[in-house]
Amino acid sequence: MSPKLLLATHNPGKIVELEALLGGLEVELVSLRDLEIGEKAAETGETYRANAVLKARFYAERSRLPALADDSGLEVDLLDGAPGVRSARYLAEPGATDADRRRYLVNQLSAHPRPWTARFRSAVAVAFPDGRLLTGEGVCEGEIVPEERGTGGFGYDPIFELANGRTMAELGEAEKNRVSHRGRGVRDLLEKHGNAF
């Protein structure tokens, strides 16, 4: 029987990406929903790594399983790296959606000439119930575009254009996982610690 690894996120888009990225591991991937864990970890860290570690440890403790969490964000140069670690909470209005956050970001940039250079950054952490901790990180460079393009992905993907001229939301799953910050972060973790599973 394969050991279990908990994907410590409530975001369905991240679960799909992580399942694809971790498919080669000899582990059984389980979700918070599978374990009926509805609690949310507090993301009080000032860095992606700190938040990834907080979430991984929180869910490893509750599940008694190794737990993989990531924290990621969008850093826009014109905004001094904002929204950064607060990307998912950038527009602090009740009920704000990903589409609302994308519109808000484009509105903030619209008075400035393009290109609106930016990057996605991700930190990935695996916490074990015995206290061991593994981490990796990845970065994906690009720019923000004013018009949404593509139907894939989630979050800021439809307005994040890569050097190939396509937005992250216009990429197929396999291609996105090859170039994305999260894909690079998971590969970094596996290259450094793959035998730890």
C-alpha atoms as a PDB file:
ATOM      1  CA  MET A   1       0.000   0.000   0.000  1.00  0.00           C
ATOM      2  CA  SER A   2       1.416   3.375  -1.058  1.00  0.00           C
ATOM      3  CA  PRO A   3       2.077   6.061   1.553  1.00  0.00           C
ATOM      4  CA  LYS A   4      -0.329   8.998   1.465  1.00  0.00           C
ATOM      5  CA  LEU A   5       0.462  12.636   0.693  1.00  0.00           C
ATOM      6  CA  LEU A   6      -2.113  15.302   1.521  1.00  0.00           C
ATOM      7  CA  LEU A   7      -2.595  18.117  -0.982  1.00  0.00           C
ATOM      8  CA  ALA A   8      -3.151  20.891   1.528  1.00  0.00           C
ATOM      9  CA  THR A   9      -5.302  23.321  -0.437  1.00  0.00           C
ATOM     10  CA  HIS A  10      -8.999  24.102  -0.784  1.00  0.00           C
ATOM     11  CA  ASN A  11      -8.395  25.535  -4.298  1.00  0.00           C
ATOM     12  CA  PRO A  12      -9.698  23.047  -6.899  1.00  0.00           C
ATOM     13  CA  GLY A  13      -7.480  24.525  -9.622  1.00  0.00           C
ATOM     14  CA  LYS A  14      -4.362  23.941  -7.534  1.00  0.00           C
ATOM     15  CA  ILE A  15      -5.450  20.364  -6.774  1.00  0.00           C
ATOM     16  CA  VAL A  16      -5.694  19.563 -10.503  1.00  0.00           C
ATOM     17  CA  GLU A  17      -2.245  21.061 -11.154  1.00  0.00           C
ATOM     18  CA  LEU A  18      -0.619  19.330  -8.185  1.00  0.00           C
ATOM     19  CA  GLU A  19      -2.116  15.947  -9.097  1.00  0.00           C
ATOM     20  CA  ALA A  20      -0.588  16.262 -12.576  1.00  0.00           C
ATOM     21  CA  LEU A  21       2.782  17.457 -11.233  1.00  0.00           C
ATOM     22  CA  LEU A  22       3.021  14.704  -8.608  1.00  0.00           C
ATOM     23  CA  GLY A  23       1.615  11.875 -10.713  1.00  0.00           C
ATOM     24  CA  GLY A  24       4.975  10.130 -10.960  1.00  0.00           C
ATOM     25  CA  LEU A  25       5.445   9.724  -7.215  1.00  0.00           C
ATOM     26  CA  GLU A  26       4.804   6.363  -5.559  1.00  0.00           C
ATOM     27  CA  VAL A  27       2.260   7.916  -3.185  1.00  0.00           C
ATOM     28  CA  GLU A  28      -1.496   8.096  -2.890  1.00  0.00           C
ATOM     29  CA  LEU A  29      -2.599  11.722  -3.226  1.00  0.00           C
ATOM     30  CA  VAL A  30      -5.482  12.719  -0.955  1.00  0.00           C
ATOM     31  CA  SER A  31      -7.273  16.049  -0.587  1.00  0.00           C
ATOM     32  CA  LEU A  32      -8.640  18.000   2.337  1.00  0.00           C
ATOM     33  CA  ARG A  33     -12.104  17.178   1.021  1.00  0.00           C
ATOM     34  CA  ASP A  34     -11.276  13.443   1.056  1.00  0.00           C
ATOM     35  CA  LEU A  35     -10.374  13.771   4.751  1.00  0.00           C
ATOM     36  CA  GLU A  36     -13.297  16.127   5.482  1.00  0.00           C
ATOM     37  CA  ILE A  37     -10.964  18.843   6.786  1.00  0.00           C
ATOM     38  CA  GLY A  38     -12.738  22.162   6.283  1.00  0.00           C
ATOM     39  CA  GLU A  39     -10.522  24.350   8.463  1.00  0.00           C
ATOM     40  CA  LYS A  40      -8.358  26.969   6.789  1.00  0.00           C
ATOM     41  CA  ALA A  41      -4.815  27.648   7.906  1.00  0.00           C
ATOM     42  CA  ALA A  42      -4.032  31.257   8.787  1.00  0.00           C
ATOM     43  CA  GLU A  43      -1.721  32.777   6.168  1.00  0.00           C
ATOM     44  CA  THR A  44       0.051  35.239   8.425  1.00  0.00           C
ATOM     45  CA  GLY A  45       3.553  34.913   6.979  1.00  0.00           C
ATOM     46  CA  GLU A  46       5.320  37.788   5.258  1.00  0.00           C
ATOM     47  CA  THR A  47       6.825  35.546   2.556  1.00  0.00           C
ATOM     48  CA  TYR A  48       5.548  32.804   0.265  1.00  0.00           C
ATOM     49  CA  ARG A  49       7.831  30.291   1.969  1.00  0.00           C
ATOM     50  CA  ALA A  50       6.559  31.237   5.428  1.00  0.00           C
ATOM     51  CA  ASN A  51       2.935  30.816   4.340  1.00  0.00           C
ATOM     52  CA  ALA A  52       3.614  27.513   2.549  1.00  0.00           C
ATOM     53  CA  VAL A  53       5.315  26.173   5.698  1.00  0.00           C
ATOM     54  CA  LEU A  54       2.486  27.428   7.949  1.00  0.00           C
ATOM     55  CA  LYS A  55      -0.131  25.680   5.811  1.00  0.00           C
ATOM     56  CA  ALA A  56       1.838  22.439   5.393  1.00  0.00           C
ATOM     57  CA  ARG A  57       2.486  22.164   9.152  1.00  0.00           C
ATOM     58  CA  PHE A  58      -1.112  23.051  10.044  1.00  0.00           C
ATOM     59  CA  TYR A  59      -2.552  20.292   7.851  1.00  0.00           C
ATOM     60  CA  ALA A  60       0.142  17.715   8.686  1.00  0.00           C
ATOM     61  CA  GLU A  61      -0.749  18.169  12.343  1.00  0.00           C
ATOM     62  CA  ARG A  62      -4.480  17.788  11.727  1.00  0.00           C
ATOM     63  CA  SER A  63      -4.258  14.866   9.314  1.00  0.00           C
ATOM     64  CA  ARG A  64      -1.205  13.056  10.772  1.00  0.00           C
ATOM     65  CA  LEU A  65      -0.061  12.715   7.145  1.00  0.00           C
ATOM     66  CA  PRO A  66       2.713  14.402   5.180  1.00  0.00           C
ATOM     67  CA  ALA A  67       1.097  17.547   3.763  1.00  0.00           C
ATOM     68  CA  LEU A  68       2.133  19.523   0.686  1.00  0.00           C
ATOM     69  CA  ALA A  69       1.161  23.183   0.499  1.00  0.00           C
ATOM     70  CA  ASP A  70       2.171  26.001  -1.755  1.00  0.00           C
ATOM     71  CA  ASP A  71       1.886  29.734  -1.492  1.00  0.00           C
ATOM     72  CA  SER A  72       2.153  31.776  -4.611  1.00  0.00           C
ATOM     73  CA  GLY A  73       1.525  35.242  -5.859  1.00  0.00           C
ATOM     74  CA  LEU A  74       1.851  37.756  -8.625  1.00  0.00           C
ATOM     75  CA  GLU A  75       4.492  40.483  -8.360  1.00  0.00           C
ATOM     76  CA  VAL A  76       4.026  43.522 -10.615  1.00  0.00           C
ATOM     77  CA  ASP A  77       7.084  45.745 -10.997  1.00  0.00           C
ATOM     78  CA  LEU A  78       5.106  49.011 -11.364  1.00  0.00           C
ATOM     79  CA  LEU A  79       3.372  48.233  -8.052  1.00  0.00           C
ATOM     80  CA  ASP A  80       6.651  47.548  -6.208  1.00  0.00           C
ATOM     81  CA  GLY A  81       5.945  43.818  -6.168  1.00  0.00           C
ATOM     82  CA  ALA A  82       2.257  44.023  -5.210  1.00  0.00           C
ATOM     83  CA  PRO A  83      -0.059  42.196  -4.891  1.00  0.00           C
ATOM     84  CA  GLY A  84       2.604  39.671  -3.822  1.00  0.00           C
ATOM     85  CA  VAL A  85       1.782  37.436  -0.864  1.00  0.00           C
ATOM     86  CA  ARG A  86      -1.675  39.019  -0.716  1.00  0.00           C
ATOM     87  CA  SER A  87      -2.553  38.158  -4.336  1.00  0.00           C
ATOM     88  CA  ALA A  88      -5.584  36.045  -3.394  1.00  0.00           C
ATOM     89  CA  ARG A  89      -6.797  38.803  -1.055  1.00  0.00           C
ATOM     90  CA  TYR A  90      -5.769  41.780  -3.207  1.00  0.00           C
ATOM     91  CA  LEU A  91      -9.255  43.258  -3.461  1.00  0.00           C
ATOM     92  CA  ALA A  92     -10.490  43.035   0.118  1.00  0.00           C
ATOM     93  CA  GLU A  93     -14.178  43.362  -0.703  1.00  0.00           C
ATOM     94  CA  PRO A  94     -16.537  40.681   0.573  1.00  0.00           C
ATOM     95  CA  GLY A  95     -17.299  38.190  -2.170  1.00  0.00           C
ATOM     96  CA  ALA A  96     -14.605  39.497  -4.545  1.00  0.00           C
ATOM     97  CA  THR A  97     -13.902  36.988  -7.327  1.00  0.00           C
ATOM     98  CA  ASP A  98     -10.783  36.248  -9.369  1.00  0.00           C
ATOM     99  CA  ALA A  99     -12.347  38.278 -12.212  1.00  0.00           C
ATOM    100  CA  ASP A 100     -12.873  41.230  -9.829  1.00  0.00           C
ATOM    101  CA  ARG A 101      -9.208  41.079  -8.769  1.00  0.00           C
ATOM    102  CA  ARG A 102      -8.040  40.958 -12.387  1.00  0.00           C
ATOM    103  CA  ARG A 103     -10.133  44.021 -13.292  1.00  0.00           C
ATOM    104  CA  TYR A 104      -8.879  45.884 -10.217  1.00  0.00           C
ATOM    105  CA  LEU A 105      -5.253  45.138 -11.092  1.00  0.00           C
ATOM    106  CA  VAL A 106      -5.632  46.257 -14.731  1.00  0.00           C
ATOM    107  CA  ASN A 107      -7.364  49.444 -13.570  1.00  0.00           C
ATOM    108  CA  GLN A 108      -4.430  50.188 -11.261  1.00  0.00           C
ATOM    109  CA  LEU A 109      -1.983  49.813 -14.141  1.00  0.00           C
ATOM    110  CA  SER A 110      -3.992  51.495 -16.883  1.00  0.00           C
ATOM    111  CA  ALA A 111      -2.484  54.976 -16.334  1.00  0.00           C
ATOM    112  CA  HIS A 112       1.030  53.639 -16.964  1.00  0.00           C
ATOM    113  CA  PRO A 113       2.618  52.745 -20.315  1.00  0.00           C
ATOM    114  CA  ARG A 114       3.177  49.089 -21.114  1.00  0.00           C
ATOM    115  CA  PRO A 115       4.877  46.688 -20.790  1.00  0.00           C
ATOM    116  CA  TRP A 116       3.609  45.920 -17.293  1.00  0.00           C
ATOM    117  CA  THR A 117       6.340  43.446 -16.360  1.00  0.00           C
ATOM    118  CA  ALA A 118       5.512  40.915 -13.676  1.00  0.00           C
ATOM    119  CA  ARG A 119       6.274  37.461 -12.384  1.00  0.00           C
ATOM    120  CA  PHE A 120       4.486  34.637 -10.658  1.00  0.00           C
ATOM    121  CA  ARG A 121       6.403  33.246  -7.690  1.00  0.00           C
ATOM    122  CA  SER A 122       5.686  30.046  -5.774  1.00  0.00           C
ATOM    123  CA  ALA A 123       7.048  28.362  -2.665  1.00  0.00           C
ATOM    124  CA  VAL A 124       6.196  24.711  -2.020  1.00  0.00           C
ATOM    125  CA  ALA A 125       6.532  22.976   1.337  1.00  0.00           C
ATOM    126  CA  VAL A 126       5.981  19.427   2.562  1.00  0.00           C
ATOM    127  CA  ALA A 127       5.629  19.004   6.323  1.00  0.00           C
ATOM    128  CA  PHE A 128       5.754  15.573   7.934  1.00  0.00           C
ATOM    129  CA  PRO A 129       4.041  14.681  11.224  1.00  0.00           C
ATOM    130  CA  ASP A 130       7.490  13.967  12.723  1.00  0.00           C
ATOM    131  CA  GLY A 131       8.563  17.592  12.117  1.00  0.00           C
ATOM    132  CA  ARG A 132      10.627  17.117   8.938  1.00  0.00           C
ATOM    133  CA  LEU A 133      10.226  19.869   6.356  1.00  0.00           C
ATOM    134  CA  LEU A 134      11.051  19.996   2.632  1.00  0.00           C
ATOM    135  CA  THR A 135      10.806  23.115   0.454  1.00  0.00           C
ATOM    136  CA  GLY A 136      11.185  24.239  -3.152  1.00  0.00           C
ATOM    137  CA  GLU A 137      10.484  27.383  -5.134  1.00  0.00           C
ATOM    138  CA  GLY A 138       9.820  28.525  -8.673  1.00  0.00           C
ATOM    139  CA  VAL A 139       9.444  31.745 -10.668  1.00  0.00           C
ATOM    140  CA  CYS A 140       7.790  32.472 -14.018  1.00  0.00           C
ATOM    141  CA  GLU A 141       8.444  35.817 -15.761  1.00  0.00           C
ATOM    142  CA  GLY A 142       5.924  37.605 -17.978  1.00  0.00           C
ATOM    143  CA  GLU A 143       3.796  40.716 -18.199  1.00  0.00           C
ATOM    144  CA  ILE A 144       0.261  41.811 -17.437  1.00  0.00           C
ATOM    145  CA  VAL A 145      -1.981  42.480 -20.445  1.00  0.00           C
ATOM    146  CA  PRO A 146      -5.169  44.566 -20.338  1.00  0.00           C
ATOM    147  CA  GLU A 147      -7.452  42.070 -22.079  1.00  0.00           C
ATOM    148  CA  GLU A 148      -8.300  38.634 -20.730  1.00  0.00           C
ATOM    149  CA  ARG A 149      -7.432  35.728 -23.011  1.00  0.00           C
ATOM    150  CA  GLY A 150      -7.914  31.989 -22.608  1.00  0.00           C
ATOM    151  CA  THR A 151     -10.249  29.729 -20.704  1.00  0.00           C
ATOM    152  CA  GLY A 152      -7.802  27.588 -18.720  1.00  0.00           C
ATOM    153  CA  GLY A 153      -6.161  28.133 -15.377  1.00  0.00           C
ATOM    154  CA  PHE A 154      -7.448  30.358 -12.602  1.00  0.00           C
ATOM    155  CA  GLY A 155      -6.552  33.501 -10.665  1.00  0.00           C
ATOM    156  CA  TYR A 156      -4.523  35.967 -12.735  1.00  0.00           C
ATOM    157  CA  ASP A 157      -3.757  33.457 -15.539  1.00  0.00           C
ATOM    158  CA  PRO A 158      -5.955  35.174 -18.217  1.00  0.00           C
ATOM    159  CA  ILE A 159      -4.000  38.453 -17.970  1.00  0.00           C
ATOM    160  CA  PHE A 160      -0.479  37.043 -17.469  1.00  0.00           C
ATOM    161  CA  GLU A 161       1.310  36.841 -20.816  1.00  0.00           C
ATOM    162  CA  LEU A 162       4.449  34.775 -21.317  1.00  0.00           C
ATOM    163  CA  ALA A 163       7.338  35.519 -23.678  1.00  0.00           C
ATOM    164  CA  ASN A 164       5.665  33.275 -26.305  1.00  0.00           C
ATOM    165  CA  GLY A 165       2.779  35.790 -26.594  1.00  0.00           C
ATOM    166  CA  ARG A 166       0.177  33.564 -24.941  1.00  0.00           C
ATOM    167  CA  THR A 167      -1.419  34.032 -21.551  1.00  0.00           C
ATOM    168  CA  MET A 168      -1.132  31.352 -18.905  1.00  0.00           C
ATOM    169  CA  ALA A 169      -4.871  30.676 -19.452  1.00  0.00           C
ATOM    170  CA  GLU A 170      -4.230  29.886 -23.142  1.00  0.00           C
ATOM    171  CA  LEU A 171      -1.862  27.011 -22.344  1.00  0.00           C
ATOM    172  CA  GLY A 172      -2.839  23.360 -22.141  1.00  0.00           C
ATOM    173  CA  GLU A 173      -2.381  21.657 -18.781  1.00  0.00           C
ATOM    174  CA  ALA A 174       0.885  19.907 -19.674  1.00  0.00           C
ATOM    175  CA  GLU A 175       2.476  23.047 -21.130  1.00  0.00           C
ATOM    176  CA  LYS A 176       1.361  25.193 -18.205  1.00  0.00           C
ATOM    177  CA  ASN A 177       2.822  22.719 -15.724  1.00  0.00           C
ATOM    178  CA  ARG A 178       6.115  22.790 -17.651  1.00  0.00           C
ATOM    179  CA  VAL A 179       6.534  26.593 -17.495  1.00  0.00           C
ATOM    180  CA  SER A 180       4.524  27.751 -14.475  1.00  0.00           C
ATOM    181  CA  HIS A 181       5.914  28.933 -11.161  1.00  0.00           C
ATOM    182  CA  ARG A 182       4.081  26.129  -9.341  1.00  0.00           C
ATOM    183  CA  GLY A 183       5.422  23.518 -11.761  1.00  0.00           C
ATOM    184  CA  ARG A 184       8.940  24.836 -11.290  1.00  0.00           C
ATOM    185  CA  GLY A 185       8.508  24.941  -7.517  1.00  0.00           C
ATOM    186  CA  VAL A 186       7.324  21.322  -7.352  1.00  0.00           C
ATOM    187  CA  ARG A 187      10.151  20.184  -9.645  1.00  0.00           C
ATOM    188  CA  ASP A 188      12.667  22.077  -7.495  1.00  0.00           C
ATOM    189  CA  LEU A 189      11.324  20.307  -4.398  1.00  0.00           C
ATOM    190  CA  LEU A 190      11.406  16.884  -6.099  1.00  0.00           C
ATOM    191  CA  GLU A 191      14.898  17.399  -7.501  1.00  0.00           C
ATOM    192  CA  LYS A 192      16.195  18.244  -4.027  1.00  0.00           C
ATOM    193  CA  HIS A 193      14.081  15.824  -1.961  1.00  0.00           C
ATOM    194  CA  GLY A 194      12.318  13.345  -4.281  1.00  0.00           C
ATOM    195  CA  ASN A 195      13.671  10.307  -2.432  1.00  0.00           C
ATOM    196  CA  ALA A 196      12.158  11.580   0.844  1.00  0.00           C
ATOM    197  CA  PHE A 197       8.733  10.241  -0.121  1.00  0.00           C
END
